[in-house]
Structure formats: structure tokens, C-alpha cells
Full PDB file with SEQRES, HELIX, SHEET, SSBOND, CRYST1, ORIGX, SCALE, CONECT and MASTER records, all heavy atoms in Angstrom:
SEQRES   1 A   45  LEU ARG THR ALA LEU ALA SER GLY ARG ASN ARG ASP MET          
SEQRES   2 A   45  ALA ALA GLY ARG THR LEU THR GLY PRO HIS ARG ALA ASP          
SEQRES   3 A   45  LEU TYR ALA VAL TYR ALA ALA LYS GLY VAL GLU ALA LYS          
SEQRES   4 A   45  LEU CYS SER THR GLY GLU                                      
HELIX    1 AA1 ARG A    2  SER A    7  1                                   6    
HELIX    2 AA2 ARG A    9  ALA A   15  1                                   7    
HELIX    3 AA3 PRO A   22  ARG A   24  5                                   3    
HELIX    4 AA4 ALA A   38  LEU A   40  5                                   3    
SHEET    1 AA1 2 VAL A  30  TYR A  31  0                                        
SHEET    2 AA1 2 VAL A  36  GLU A  37 -1                                        
CRYST1    1.000    1.000    1.000  90.00  90.00  90.00 P 1           1          
ORIGX1      1.000000  0.000000  0.000000        0.00000                         
ORIGX2      0.000000  1.000000  0.000000        0.00000                         
ORIGX3      0.000000  0.000000  1.000000        0.00000                         
SCALE1      1.000000  0.000000  0.000000        0.00000                         
SCALE2      0.000000  1.000000  0.000000        0.00000                         
SCALE3      0.000000  0.000000  1.000000        0.00000                         
ATOM      1  N   LEU A   1     -12.698  -1.256   8.893  1.00  0.00           N  
ATOM      2  CA  LEU A   1     -11.538  -0.497   9.348  1.00  0.00           C  
ATOM      3  C   LEU A   1     -11.533  -0.366  10.873  1.00  0.00           C  
ATOM      4  O   LEU A   1     -10.483  -0.502  11.520  1.00  0.00           O  
ATOM      5  CB  LEU A   1     -11.522   0.882   8.693  1.00  0.00           C  
ATOM      6  CG  LEU A   1     -10.318   1.766   9.032  1.00  0.00           C  
ATOM      7  CD1 LEU A   1      -8.999   1.034   8.809  1.00  0.00           C  
ATOM      8  CD2 LEU A   1     -10.351   3.047   8.209  1.00  0.00           C  
ATOM      9  N   ARG A   2     -12.701  -0.134  11.480  1.00  0.00           N  
ATOM     10  CA  ARG A   2     -12.764  -0.002  12.943  1.00  0.00           C  
ATOM     11  C   ARG A   2     -12.315  -1.305  13.610  1.00  0.00           C  
ATOM     12  O   ARG A   2     -11.555  -1.287  14.589  1.00  0.00           O  
ATOM     13  CB  ARG A   2     -14.181   0.360  13.379  1.00  0.00           C  
ATOM     14  CG  ARG A   2     -14.321   0.578  14.892  1.00  0.00           C  
ATOM     15  CD  ARG A   2     -15.745   1.010  15.239  1.00  0.00           C  
ATOM     16  NE  ARG A   2     -16.721   0.030  14.781  1.00  0.00           N  
ATOM     17  CZ  ARG A   2     -17.037  -1.094  15.431  1.00  0.00           C  
ATOM     18  NH1 ARG A   2     -16.418  -1.386  16.566  1.00  0.00           N  
ATOM     19  NH2 ARG A   2     -17.948  -1.914  14.950  1.00  0.00           N  
ATOM     20  N   THR A   3     -12.774  -2.422  13.077  1.00  0.00           N  
ATOM     21  CA  THR A   3     -12.390  -3.724  13.640  1.00  0.00           C  
ATOM     22  C   THR A   3     -10.892  -3.971  13.483  1.00  0.00           C  
ATOM     23  O   THR A   3     -10.224  -4.459  14.406  1.00  0.00           O  
ATOM     24  CB  THR A   3     -13.181  -4.856  12.951  1.00  0.00           C  
ATOM     25  OG1 THR A   3     -14.579  -4.645  13.164  1.00  0.00           O  
ATOM     26  CG2 THR A   3     -12.782  -6.211  13.498  1.00  0.00           C  
ATOM     27  N   ALA A   4     -10.359  -3.616  12.313  1.00  0.00           N  
ATOM     28  CA  ALA A   4      -8.926  -3.821  12.064  1.00  0.00           C  
ATOM     29  C   ALA A   4      -8.075  -2.960  12.989  1.00  0.00           C  
ATOM     30  O   ALA A   4      -7.032  -3.401  13.492  1.00  0.00           O  
ATOM     31  CB  ALA A   4      -8.607  -3.505  10.607  1.00  0.00           C  
ATOM     32  N   LEU A   5      -8.488  -1.721  13.230  1.00  0.00           N  
ATOM     33  CA  LEU A   5      -7.745  -0.837  14.127  1.00  0.00           C  
ATOM     34  C   LEU A   5      -7.761  -1.380  15.559  1.00  0.00           C  
ATOM     35  O   LEU A   5      -6.731  -1.385  16.247  1.00  0.00           O  
ATOM     36  CB  LEU A   5      -8.339   0.567  14.081  1.00  0.00           C  
ATOM     37  CG  LEU A   5      -8.081   1.366  12.797  1.00  0.00           C  
ATOM     38  CD1 LEU A   5      -8.960   2.610  12.756  1.00  0.00           C  
ATOM     39  CD2 LEU A   5      -6.608   1.758  12.677  1.00  0.00           C  
ATOM     40  N   ALA A   6      -8.932  -1.823  16.002  1.00  0.00           N  
ATOM     41  CA  ALA A   6      -9.052  -2.327  17.372  1.00  0.00           C  
ATOM     42  C   ALA A   6      -8.218  -3.588  17.574  1.00  0.00           C  
ATOM     43  O   ALA A   6      -7.514  -3.739  18.588  1.00  0.00           O  
ATOM     44  CB  ALA A   6     -10.520  -2.595  17.705  1.00  0.00           C  
ATOM     45  N   SER A   7      -8.270  -4.501  16.614  1.00  0.00           N  
ATOM     46  CA  SER A   7      -7.536  -5.764  16.762  1.00  0.00           C  
ATOM     47  C   SER A   7      -6.030  -5.580  16.592  1.00  0.00           C  
ATOM     48  O   SER A   7      -5.250  -6.433  17.028  1.00  0.00           O  
ATOM     49  CB  SER A   7      -8.056  -6.795  15.751  1.00  0.00           C  
ATOM     50  OG  SER A   7      -7.814  -6.343  14.420  1.00  0.00           O  
ATOM     51  N   GLY A   8      -5.623  -4.478  15.995  1.00  0.00           N  
ATOM     52  CA  GLY A   8      -4.197  -4.259  15.739  1.00  0.00           C  
ATOM     53  C   GLY A   8      -3.498  -3.375  16.752  1.00  0.00           C  
ATOM     54  O   GLY A   8      -2.346  -2.984  16.538  1.00  0.00           O  
ATOM     55  N   ARG A   9      -4.153  -3.071  17.857  1.00  0.00           N  
ATOM     56  CA  ARG A   9      -3.562  -2.130  18.820  1.00  0.00           C  
ATOM     57  C   ARG A   9      -2.227  -2.605  19.375  1.00  0.00           C  
ATOM     58  O   ARG A   9      -1.274  -1.827  19.471  1.00  0.00           O  
ATOM     59  CB  ARG A   9      -4.536  -1.862  19.972  1.00  0.00           C  
ATOM     60  CG  ARG A   9      -5.694  -0.973  19.607  1.00  0.00           C  
ATOM     61  CD  ARG A   9      -6.648  -0.835  20.795  1.00  0.00           C  
ATOM     62  NE  ARG A   9      -7.963  -0.368  20.358  1.00  0.00           N  
ATOM     63  CZ  ARG A   9      -9.055  -0.457  21.108  1.00  0.00           C  
ATOM     64  NH1 ARG A   9      -8.986  -0.993  22.321  1.00  0.00           N  
ATOM     65  NH2 ARG A   9     -10.218  -0.006  20.652  1.00  0.00           N  
ATOM     66  N   ASN A  10      -2.136  -3.882  19.760  1.00  0.00           N  
ATOM     67  CA  ASN A  10      -0.882  -4.372  20.337  1.00  0.00           C  
ATOM     68  C   ASN A  10       0.265  -4.297  19.332  1.00  0.00           C  
ATOM     69  O   ASN A  10       1.383  -3.888  19.675  1.00  0.00           O  
ATOM     70  CB  ASN A  10      -1.054  -5.807  20.835  1.00  0.00           C  
ATOM     71  CG  ASN A  10      -1.932  -5.887  22.071  1.00  0.00           C  
ATOM     72  OD1 ASN A  10      -2.065  -4.911  22.822  1.00  0.00           O  
ATOM     73  ND2 ASN A  10      -2.549  -7.044  22.292  1.00  0.00           N  
ATOM     74  N   ARG A  11      -0.017  -4.694  18.104  1.00  0.00           N  
ATOM     75  CA  ARG A  11       1.009  -4.603  17.058  1.00  0.00           C  
ATOM     76  C   ARG A  11       1.404  -3.153  16.818  1.00  0.00           C  
ATOM     77  O   ARG A  11       2.585  -2.820  16.695  1.00  0.00           O  
ATOM     78  CB  ARG A  11       0.476  -5.225  15.760  1.00  0.00           C  
ATOM     79  CG  ARG A  11       1.456  -5.209  14.599  1.00  0.00           C  
ATOM     80  CD  ARG A  11       0.787  -5.533  13.285  1.00  0.00           C  
ATOM     81  NE  ARG A  11      -0.259  -4.568  12.954  1.00  0.00           N  
ATOM     82  CZ  ARG A  11      -0.925  -4.559  11.803  1.00  0.00           C  
ATOM     83  NH1 ARG A  11      -0.675  -5.482  10.885  1.00  0.00           N  
ATOM     84  NH2 ARG A  11      -1.842  -3.649  11.566  1.00  0.00           N  
ATOM     85  N   ASP A  12       0.404  -2.272  16.746  1.00  0.00           N  
ATOM     86  CA  ASP A  12       0.676  -0.855  16.509  1.00  0.00           C  
ATOM     87  C   ASP A  12       1.444  -0.232  17.671  1.00  0.00           C  
ATOM     88  O   ASP A  12       2.308   0.621  17.465  1.00  0.00           O  
ATOM     89  CB  ASP A  12      -0.642  -0.094  16.293  1.00  0.00           C  
ATOM     90  CG  ASP A  12      -1.336  -0.484  15.000  1.00  0.00           C  
ATOM     91  OD1 ASP A  12      -0.729  -1.225  14.206  1.00  0.00           O  
ATOM     92  OD2 ASP A  12      -2.487  -0.050  14.796  1.00  0.00           O  
ATOM     93  N   MET A  13       1.141  -0.683  18.898  1.00  0.00           N  
ATOM     94  CA  MET A  13       1.837  -0.142  20.064  1.00  0.00           C  
ATOM     95  C   MET A  13       3.316  -0.523  20.016  1.00  0.00           C  
ATOM     96  O   MET A  13       4.194   0.278  20.360  1.00  0.00           O  
ATOM     97  CB  MET A  13       1.186  -0.650  21.354  1.00  0.00           C  
ATOM     98  CG  MET A  13       1.690   0.054  22.603  1.00  0.00           C  
ATOM     99  SD  MET A  13       0.752  -0.427  24.076  1.00  0.00           S  
ATOM    100  CE  MET A  13      -0.853   0.320  23.707  1.00  0.00           C  
ATOM    101  N   ALA A  14       3.604  -1.742  19.567  1.00  0.00           N  
ATOM    102  CA  ALA A  14       5.002  -2.177  19.438  1.00  0.00           C  
ATOM    103  C   ALA A  14       5.730  -1.357  18.380  1.00  0.00           C  
ATOM    104  O   ALA A  14       6.918  -1.046  18.523  1.00  0.00           O  
ATOM    105  CB  ALA A  14       5.048  -3.662  19.086  1.00  0.00           C  
ATOM    106  N   ALA A  15       5.004  -0.992  17.321  1.00  0.00           N  
ATOM    107  CA  ALA A  15       5.616  -0.196  16.245  1.00  0.00           C  
ATOM    108  C   ALA A  15       5.631   1.282  16.560  1.00  0.00           C  
ATOM    109  O   ALA A  15       6.407   2.045  15.978  1.00  0.00           O  
ATOM    110  CB  ALA A  15       4.857  -0.437  14.943  1.00  0.00           C  
ATOM    111  N   GLY A  16       4.745   1.719  17.467  1.00  0.00           N  
ATOM    112  CA  GLY A  16       4.659   3.134  17.803  1.00  0.00           C  
ATOM    113  C   GLY A  16       3.904   3.953  16.777  1.00  0.00           C  
ATOM    114  O   GLY A  16       3.968   5.184  16.780  1.00  0.00           O  
ATOM    115  N   ARG A  17       3.158   3.284  15.905  1.00  0.00           N  
ATOM    116  CA  ARG A  17       2.386   4.001  14.886  1.00  0.00           C  
ATOM    117  C   ARG A  17       1.298   3.081  14.341  1.00  0.00           C  
ATOM    118  O   ARG A  17       1.332   1.860  14.529  1.00  0.00           O  
ATOM    119  CB  ARG A  17       3.275   4.482  13.740  1.00  0.00           C  
ATOM    120  CG  ARG A  17       4.024   3.375  13.021  1.00  0.00           C  
ATOM    121  CD  ARG A  17       5.105   3.914  12.099  1.00  0.00           C  
ATOM    122  NE  ARG A  17       5.884   2.835  11.511  1.00  0.00           N  
ATOM    123  CZ  ARG A  17       5.623   2.257  10.346  1.00  0.00           C  
ATOM    124  NH1 ARG A  17       4.556   2.655   9.643  1.00  0.00           N  
ATOM    125  NH2 ARG A  17       6.377   1.286   9.872  1.00  0.00           N  
ATOM    126  N   THR A  18       0.345   3.687  13.637  1.00  0.00           N  
ATOM    127  CA  THR A  18      -0.784   2.945  13.075  1.00  0.00           C  
ATOM    128  C   THR A  18      -0.369   2.270  11.773  1.00  0.00           C  
ATOM    129  O   THR A  18       0.088   2.930  10.833  1.00  0.00           O  
ATOM    130  CB  THR A  18      -1.967   3.901  12.815  1.00  0.00           C  
ATOM    131  OG1 THR A  18      -2.332   4.525  14.053  1.00  0.00           O  
ATOM    132  CG2 THR A  18      -3.157   3.147  12.252  1.00  0.00           C  
ATOM    133  N   LEU A  19      -0.541   0.968  11.714  1.00  0.00           N  
ATOM    134  CA  LEU A  19      -0.102   0.193  10.549  1.00  0.00           C  
ATOM    135  C   LEU A  19      -1.258  -0.258   9.662  1.00  0.00           C  
ATOM    136  O   LEU A  19      -1.046  -1.002   8.709  1.00  0.00           O  
ATOM    137  CB  LEU A  19       0.680  -1.041  11.022  1.00  0.00           C  
ATOM    138  CG  LEU A  19       1.955  -0.756  11.828  1.00  0.00           C  
ATOM    139  CD1 LEU A  19       2.568  -2.055  12.329  1.00  0.00           C  
ATOM    140  CD2 LEU A  19       2.951   0.024  10.983  1.00  0.00           C  
ATOM    141  N   THR A  20      -2.461   0.200   9.971  1.00  0.00           N  
ATOM    142  CA  THR A  20      -3.646  -0.212   9.220  1.00  0.00           C  
ATOM    143  C   THR A  20      -4.451   1.016   8.803  1.00  0.00           C  
ATOM    144  O   THR A  20      -4.659   1.909   9.629  1.00  0.00           O  
ATOM    145  CB  THR A  20      -4.549  -1.123  10.079  1.00  0.00           C  
ATOM    146  OG1 THR A  20      -3.823  -2.303  10.414  1.00  0.00           O  
ATOM    147  CG2 THR A  20      -5.817  -1.502   9.321  1.00  0.00           C  
ATOM    148  N   GLY A  21      -4.882   1.048   7.540  1.00  0.00           N  
ATOM    149  CA  GLY A  21      -5.741   2.144   7.101  1.00  0.00           C  
ATOM    150  C   GLY A  21      -5.403   2.640   5.709  1.00  0.00           C  
ATOM    151  O   GLY A  21      -4.455   2.164   5.072  1.00  0.00           O  
ATOM    152  N   PRO A  22      -6.179   3.588   5.205  1.00  0.00           N  
ATOM    153  CA  PRO A  22      -5.966   4.096   3.841  1.00  0.00           C  
ATOM    154  C   PRO A  22      -4.640   4.822   3.662  1.00  0.00           C  
ATOM    155  O   PRO A  22      -4.210   5.043   2.527  1.00  0.00           O  
ATOM    156  CB  PRO A  22      -7.153   5.048   3.636  1.00  0.00           C  
ATOM    157  CG  PRO A  22      -7.597   5.418   5.011  1.00  0.00           C  
ATOM    158  CD  PRO A  22      -7.341   4.209   5.856  1.00  0.00           C  
ATOM    159  N   HIS A  23      -3.980   5.194   4.751  1.00  0.00           N  
ATOM    160  CA  HIS A  23      -2.659   5.819   4.648  1.00  0.00           C  
ATOM    161  C   HIS A  23      -1.580   4.800   4.270  1.00  0.00           C  
ATOM    162  O   HIS A  23      -0.427   5.167   4.056  1.00  0.00           O  
ATOM    163  CB  HIS A  23      -2.286   6.488   5.977  1.00  0.00           C  
ATOM    164  CG  HIS A  23      -2.100   5.536   7.109  1.00  0.00           C  
ATOM    165  ND1 HIS A  23      -3.169   4.906   7.714  1.00  0.00           N  
ATOM    166  CD2 HIS A  23      -0.989   5.087   7.756  1.00  0.00           C  
ATOM    167  CE1 HIS A  23      -2.721   4.121   8.682  1.00  0.00           C  
ATOM    168  NE2 HIS A  23      -1.401   4.210   8.722  1.00  0.00           N  
ATOM    169  N   ARG A  24      -1.974   3.539   4.161  1.00  0.00           N  
ATOM    170  CA  ARG A  24      -1.052   2.473   3.747  1.00  0.00           C  
ATOM    171  C   ARG A  24      -1.326   2.011   2.315  1.00  0.00           C  
ATOM    172  O   ARG A  24      -0.701   1.064   1.831  1.00  0.00           O  
ATOM    173  CB  ARG A  24      -1.187   1.287   4.701  1.00  0.00           C  
ATOM    174  CG  ARG A  24      -0.893   1.618   6.160  1.00  0.00           C  
ATOM    175  CD  ARG A  24       0.577   1.531   6.462  1.00  0.00           C  
ATOM    176  NE  ARG A  24       0.996   0.131   6.507  1.00  0.00           N  
ATOM    177  CZ  ARG A  24       2.271  -0.258   6.457  1.00  0.00           C  
ATOM    178  NH1 ARG A  24       3.223   0.638   6.352  1.00  0.00           N  
ATOM    179  NH2 ARG A  24       2.588  -1.544   6.512  1.00  0.00           N  
ATOM    180  N   ALA A  25      -2.262   2.665   1.642  1.00  0.00           N  
ATOM    181  CA  ALA A  25      -2.625   2.268   0.273  1.00  0.00           C  
ATOM    182  C   ALA A  25      -1.584   2.754  -0.725  1.00  0.00           C  
ATOM    183  O   ALA A  25      -0.810   3.675  -0.464  1.00  0.00           O  
ATOM    184  CB  ALA A  25      -3.993   2.813  -0.075  1.00  0.00           C  
ATOM    185  N   ASP A  26      -1.587   2.135  -1.887  1.00  0.00           N  
ATOM    186  CA  ASP A  26      -0.660   2.509  -2.958  1.00  0.00           C  
ATOM    187  C   ASP A  26      -1.408   2.445  -4.286  1.00  0.00           C  
ATOM    188  O   ASP A  26      -2.312   1.623  -4.470  1.00  0.00           O  
ATOM    189  CB  ASP A  26       0.534   1.554  -2.981  1.00  0.00           C  
ATOM    190  CG  ASP A  26       1.693   2.055  -3.844  1.00  0.00           C  
ATOM    191  OD1 ASP A  26       1.586   3.167  -4.404  1.00  0.00           O  
ATOM    192  OD2 ASP A  26       2.699   1.327  -3.953  1.00  0.00           O  
ATOM    193  N   LEU A  27      -1.033   3.338  -5.202  1.00  0.00           N  
ATOM    194  CA  LEU A  27      -1.585   3.339  -6.551  1.00  0.00           C  
ATOM    195  C   LEU A  27      -0.702   2.460  -7.428  1.00  0.00           C  
ATOM    196  O   LEU A  27       0.479   2.726  -7.605  1.00  0.00           O  
ATOM    197  CB  LEU A  27      -1.636   4.762  -7.105  1.00  0.00           C  
ATOM    198  CG  LEU A  27      -2.100   4.914  -8.559  1.00  0.00           C  
ATOM    199  CD1 LEU A  27      -3.544   4.429  -8.721  1.00  0.00           C  
ATOM    200  CD2 LEU A  27      -1.974   6.368  -9.011  1.00  0.00           C  
ATOM    201  N   TYR A  28      -1.283   1.423  -7.962  1.00  0.00           N  
ATOM    202  CA  TYR A  28      -0.547   0.452  -8.782  1.00  0.00           C  
ATOM    203  C   TYR A  28      -0.969   0.636 -10.236  1.00  0.00           C  
ATOM    204  O   TYR A  28      -2.160   0.720 -10.546  1.00  0.00           O  
ATOM    205  CB  TYR A  28      -0.864  -0.965  -8.308  1.00  0.00           C  
ATOM    206  CG  TYR A  28      -0.133  -2.062  -9.037  1.00  0.00           C  
ATOM    207  CD1 TYR A  28       1.225  -2.279  -8.838  1.00  0.00           C  
ATOM    208  CD2 TYR A  28      -0.822  -2.897  -9.917  1.00  0.00           C  
ATOM    209  CE1 TYR A  28       1.887  -3.301  -9.499  1.00  0.00           C  
ATOM    210  CE2 TYR A  28      -0.169  -3.930 -10.582  1.00  0.00           C  
ATOM    211  CZ  TYR A  28       1.190  -4.129 -10.367  1.00  0.00           C  
ATOM    212  OH  TYR A  28       1.845  -5.141 -11.033  1.00  0.00           O  
ATOM    213  N   ALA A  29       0.028   0.701 -11.121  1.00  0.00           N  
ATOM    214  CA  ALA A  29      -0.268   0.940 -12.534  1.00  0.00           C  
ATOM    215  C   ALA A  29       0.511  -0.029 -13.419  1.00  0.00           C  
ATOM    216  O   ALA A  29       1.676  -0.341 -13.139  1.00  0.00           O  
ATOM    217  CB  ALA A  29       0.079   2.375 -12.914  1.00  0.00           C  
ATOM    218  N   VAL A  30      -0.147  -0.466 -14.469  1.00  0.00           N  
ATOM    219  CA  VAL A  30       0.458  -1.360 -15.460  1.00  0.00           C  
ATOM    220  C   VAL A  30       0.258  -0.751 -16.844  1.00  0.00           C  
ATOM    221  O   VAL A  30      -0.841  -0.266 -17.168  1.00  0.00           O  
ATOM    222  CB  VAL A  30      -0.190  -2.766 -15.403  1.00  0.00           C  
ATOM    223  CG1 VAL A  30       0.306  -3.631 -16.551  1.00  0.00           C  
ATOM    224  CG2 VAL A  30       0.094  -3.432 -14.072  1.00  0.00           C  
ATOM    225  N   TYR A  31       1.321  -0.731 -17.647  1.00  0.00           N  
ATOM    226  CA  TYR A  31       1.235  -0.307 -19.053  1.00  0.00           C  
ATOM    227  C   TYR A  31       0.364  -1.354 -19.748  1.00  0.00           C  
ATOM    228  O   TYR A  31       0.799  -2.471 -20.009  1.00  0.00           O  
ATOM    229  CB  TYR A  31       2.638  -0.260 -19.635  1.00  0.00           C  
ATOM    230  CG  TYR A  31       2.781   0.357 -21.011  1.00  0.00           C  
ATOM    231  CD1 TYR A  31       3.892   1.116 -21.327  1.00  0.00           C  
ATOM    232  CD2 TYR A  31       1.840   0.159 -22.022  1.00  0.00           C  
ATOM    233  CE1 TYR A  31       4.063   1.683 -22.577  1.00  0.00           C  
ATOM    234  CE2 TYR A  31       1.984   0.707 -23.270  1.00  0.00           C  
ATOM    235  CZ  TYR A  31       3.112   1.465 -23.546  1.00  0.00           C  
ATOM    236  OH  TYR A  31       3.264   2.010 -24.797  1.00  0.00           O  
ATOM    237  N   ALA A  32      -0.889  -0.996 -20.040  1.00  0.00           N  
ATOM    238  CA  ALA A  32      -1.894  -1.975 -20.463  1.00  0.00           C  
ATOM    239  C   ALA A  32      -1.485  -2.748 -21.717  1.00  0.00           C  
ATOM    240  O   ALA A  32      -1.626  -3.975 -21.775  1.00  0.00           O  
ATOM    241  CB  ALA A  32      -3.227  -1.280 -20.678  1.00  0.00           C  
ATOM    242  N   ALA A  33      -0.991  -2.058 -22.733  1.00  0.00           N  
ATOM    243  CA  ALA A  33      -0.693  -2.707 -24.009  1.00  0.00           C  
ATOM    244  C   ALA A  33       0.450  -3.704 -23.906  1.00  0.00           C  
ATOM    245  O   ALA A  33       0.529  -4.662 -24.685  1.00  0.00           O  
ATOM    246  CB  ALA A  33      -0.364  -1.651 -25.059  1.00  0.00           C  
ATOM    247  N   LYS A  34       1.345  -3.493 -22.931  1.00  0.00           N  
ATOM    248  CA  LYS A  34       2.513  -4.363 -22.786  1.00  0.00           C  
ATOM    249  C   LYS A  34       2.430  -5.295 -21.588  1.00  0.00           C  
ATOM    250  O   LYS A  34       3.236  -6.227 -21.476  1.00  0.00           O  
ATOM    251  CB  LYS A  34       3.784  -3.510 -22.679  1.00  0.00           C  
ATOM    252  CG  LYS A  34       4.127  -2.737 -23.940  1.00  0.00           C  
ATOM    253  CD  LYS A  34       5.484  -2.044 -23.802  1.00  0.00           C  
ATOM    254  CE  LYS A  34       5.906  -1.381 -25.097  1.00  0.00           C  
ATOM    255  NZ  LYS A  34       7.257  -0.778 -25.001  1.00  0.00           N  
ATOM    256  N   GLY A  35       1.489  -5.018 -20.676  1.00  0.00           N  
ATOM    257  CA  GLY A  35       1.401  -5.834 -19.479  1.00  0.00           C  
ATOM    258  C   GLY A  35       2.594  -5.684 -18.561  1.00  0.00           C  
ATOM    259  O   GLY A  35       2.942  -6.617 -17.838  1.00  0.00           O  
ATOM    260  N   VAL A  36       3.210  -4.508 -18.562  1.00  0.00           N  
ATOM    261  CA  VAL A  36       4.420  -4.255 -17.774  1.00  0.00           C  
ATOM    262  C   VAL A  36       4.111  -3.240 -16.682  1.00  0.00           C  
ATOM    263  O   VAL A  36       3.444  -2.224 -16.939  1.00  0.00           O  
ATOM    264  CB  VAL A  36       5.560  -3.710 -18.676  1.00  0.00           C  
ATOM    265  CG1 VAL A  36       6.799  -3.380 -17.845  1.00  0.00           C  
ATOM    266  CG2 VAL A  36       5.893  -4.723 -19.763  1.00  0.00           C  
ATOM    267  N   GLU A  37       4.571  -3.528 -15.458  1.00  0.00           N  
ATOM    268  CA  GLU A  37       4.390  -2.567 -14.377  1.00  0.00           C  
ATOM    269  C   GLU A  37       5.020  -1.231 -14.735  1.00  0.00           C  
ATOM    270  O   GLU A  37       6.082  -1.178 -15.365  1.00  0.00           O  
ATOM    271  CB  GLU A  37       5.042  -3.079 -13.093  1.00  0.00           C  
ATOM    272  CG  GLU A  37       4.358  -4.253 -12.456  1.00  0.00           C  
ATOM    273  CD  GLU A  37       5.044  -4.637 -11.161  1.00  0.00           C  
ATOM    274  OE1 GLU A  37       5.290  -3.737 -10.330  1.00  0.00           O  
ATOM    275  OE2 GLU A  37       5.341  -5.831 -10.977  1.00  0.00           O  
ATOM    276  N   ALA A  38       4.361  -0.153 -14.326  1.00  0.00           N  
ATOM    277  CA  ALA A  38       4.854   1.186 -14.662  1.00  0.00           C  
ATOM    278  C   ALA A  38       6.284   1.407 -14.178  1.00  0.00           C  
ATOM    279  O   ALA A  38       7.091   2.024 -14.854  1.00  0.00           O  
ATOM    280  CB  ALA A  38       3.925   2.245 -14.072  1.00  0.00           C  
ATOM    281  N   LYS A  39       6.604   0.871 -13.001  1.00  0.00           N  
ATOM    282  CA  LYS A  39       7.941   1.103 -12.448  1.00  0.00           C  
ATOM    283  C   LYS A  39       9.029   0.411 -13.258  1.00  0.00           C  
ATOM    284  O   LYS A  39      10.217   0.738 -13.124  1.00  0.00           O  
ATOM    285  CB  LYS A  39       7.997   0.654 -10.995  1.00  0.00           C  
ATOM    286  CG  LYS A  39       7.881  -0.840 -10.770  1.00  0.00           C  
ATOM    287  CD  LYS A  39       7.984  -1.174  -9.285  1.00  0.00           C  
ATOM    288  CE  LYS A  39       7.898  -2.678  -9.047  1.00  0.00           C  
ATOM    289  NZ  LYS A  39       7.985  -2.997  -7.600  1.00  0.00           N  
ATOM    290  N   LEU A  40       8.650  -0.554 -14.105  1.00  0.00           N  
ATOM    291  CA  LEU A  40       9.623  -1.274 -14.927  1.00  0.00           C  
ATOM    292  C   LEU A  40       9.707  -0.727 -16.350  1.00  0.00           C  
ATOM    293  O   LEU A  40      10.518  -1.203 -17.143  1.00  0.00           O  
ATOM    294  CB  LEU A  40       9.260  -2.768 -14.975  1.00  0.00           C  
ATOM    295  CG  LEU A  40       9.223  -3.488 -13.624  1.00  0.00           C  
ATOM    296  CD1 LEU A  40       8.820  -4.945 -13.811  1.00  0.00           C  
ATOM    297  CD2 LEU A  40      10.569  -3.398 -12.912  1.00  0.00           C  
ATOM    298  N   CYS A  41       8.899   0.276 -16.664  1.00  0.00           N  
ATOM    299  CA  CYS A  41       8.905   0.864 -18.004  1.00  0.00           C  
ATOM    300  C   CYS A  41      10.078   1.813 -18.174  1.00  0.00           C  
ATOM    301  O   CYS A  41      10.709   2.234 -17.208  1.00  0.00           O  
ATOM    302  CB  CYS A  41       7.591   1.615 -18.254  1.00  0.00           C  
ATOM    303  SG  CYS A  41       6.147   0.544 -18.400  1.00  0.00           S  
ATOM    304  N   SER A  42      10.357   2.178 -19.424  1.00  0.00           N  
ATOM    305  CA  SER A  42      11.405   3.150 -19.697  1.00  0.00           C  
ATOM    306  C   SER A  42      10.986   4.525 -19.193  1.00  0.00           C  
ATOM    307  O   SER A  42       9.810   4.762 -18.903  1.00  0.00           O  
ATOM    308  CB  SER A  42      11.674   3.221 -21.200  1.00  0.00           C  
ATOM    309  OG  SER A  42      10.575   3.833 -21.868  1.00  0.00           O  
ATOM    310  N   THR A  43      11.954   5.428 -19.112  1.00  0.00           N  
ATOM    311  CA  THR A  43      11.656   6.787 -18.650  1.00  0.00           C  
ATOM    312  C   THR A  43      10.609   7.448 -19.536  1.00  0.00           C  
ATOM    313  O   THR A  43       9.682   8.104 -19.046  1.00  0.00           O  
ATOM    314  CB  THR A  43      12.939   7.637 -18.637  1.00  0.00           C  
ATOM    315  OG1 THR A  43      13.896   7.022 -17.768  1.00  0.00           O  
ATOM    316  CG2 THR A  43      12.659   9.046 -18.152  1.00  0.00           C  
ATOM    317  N   GLY A  44      10.748   7.276 -20.851  1.00  0.00           N  
ATOM    318  CA  GLY A  44       9.782   7.863 -21.777  1.00  0.00           C  
ATOM    319  C   GLY A  44       8.404   7.263 -21.622  1.00  0.00           C  
ATOM    320  O   GLY A  44       7.390   7.971 -21.688  1.00  0.00           O  
ATOM    321  N   GLU A  45       8.339   5.949 -21.403  1.00  0.00           N  
ATOM    322  CA  GLU A  45       7.047   5.293 -21.218  1.00  0.00           C  
ATOM    323  C   GLU A  45       6.401   5.727 -19.904  1.00  0.00           C  
ATOM    324  O   GLU A  45       5.191   5.926 -19.841  1.00  0.00           O  
ATOM    325  CB  GLU A  45       7.232   3.774 -21.240  1.00  0.00           C  
ATOM    326  CG  GLU A  45       7.545   3.217 -22.621  1.00  0.00           C  
ATOM    327  CD  GLU A  45       7.895   1.741 -22.592  1.00  0.00           C  
ATOM    328  OE1 GLU A  45       8.362   1.256 -21.535  1.00  0.00           O  
ATOM    329  OE2 GLU A  45       7.719   1.068 -23.626  1.00  0.00           O  
TER     330      GLU A  45                                                      
MASTER        0    0    0    4    2    0    0    6  329    1    0    4          
END                                                                             
């Protein structure tokens, strides 16, 4: 993470914010029995 932050300074400066780190992570879930992404499931599912 330290290396990624240091190497990304110019890109981050252009964006005006930090674009690398755990604040960019996402929780991904799949309905196991159906193999379907959670976001594509029905409301009840």
C-alpha cells in the first residue's frame, strides 16, 4: 500500500483525492446455489 500511494501521487493530485487503498474496496456477493450476483437477484432473494 505504501508503494502504491507513493507511485500514484501524480494521478491522485490530478484527481484531487486518493484513488488507492482500502477505502476503494467493495463487498462482492453471489447467490451460491444459483451462481447469480446478488445485485441481479430478486428483491426477496
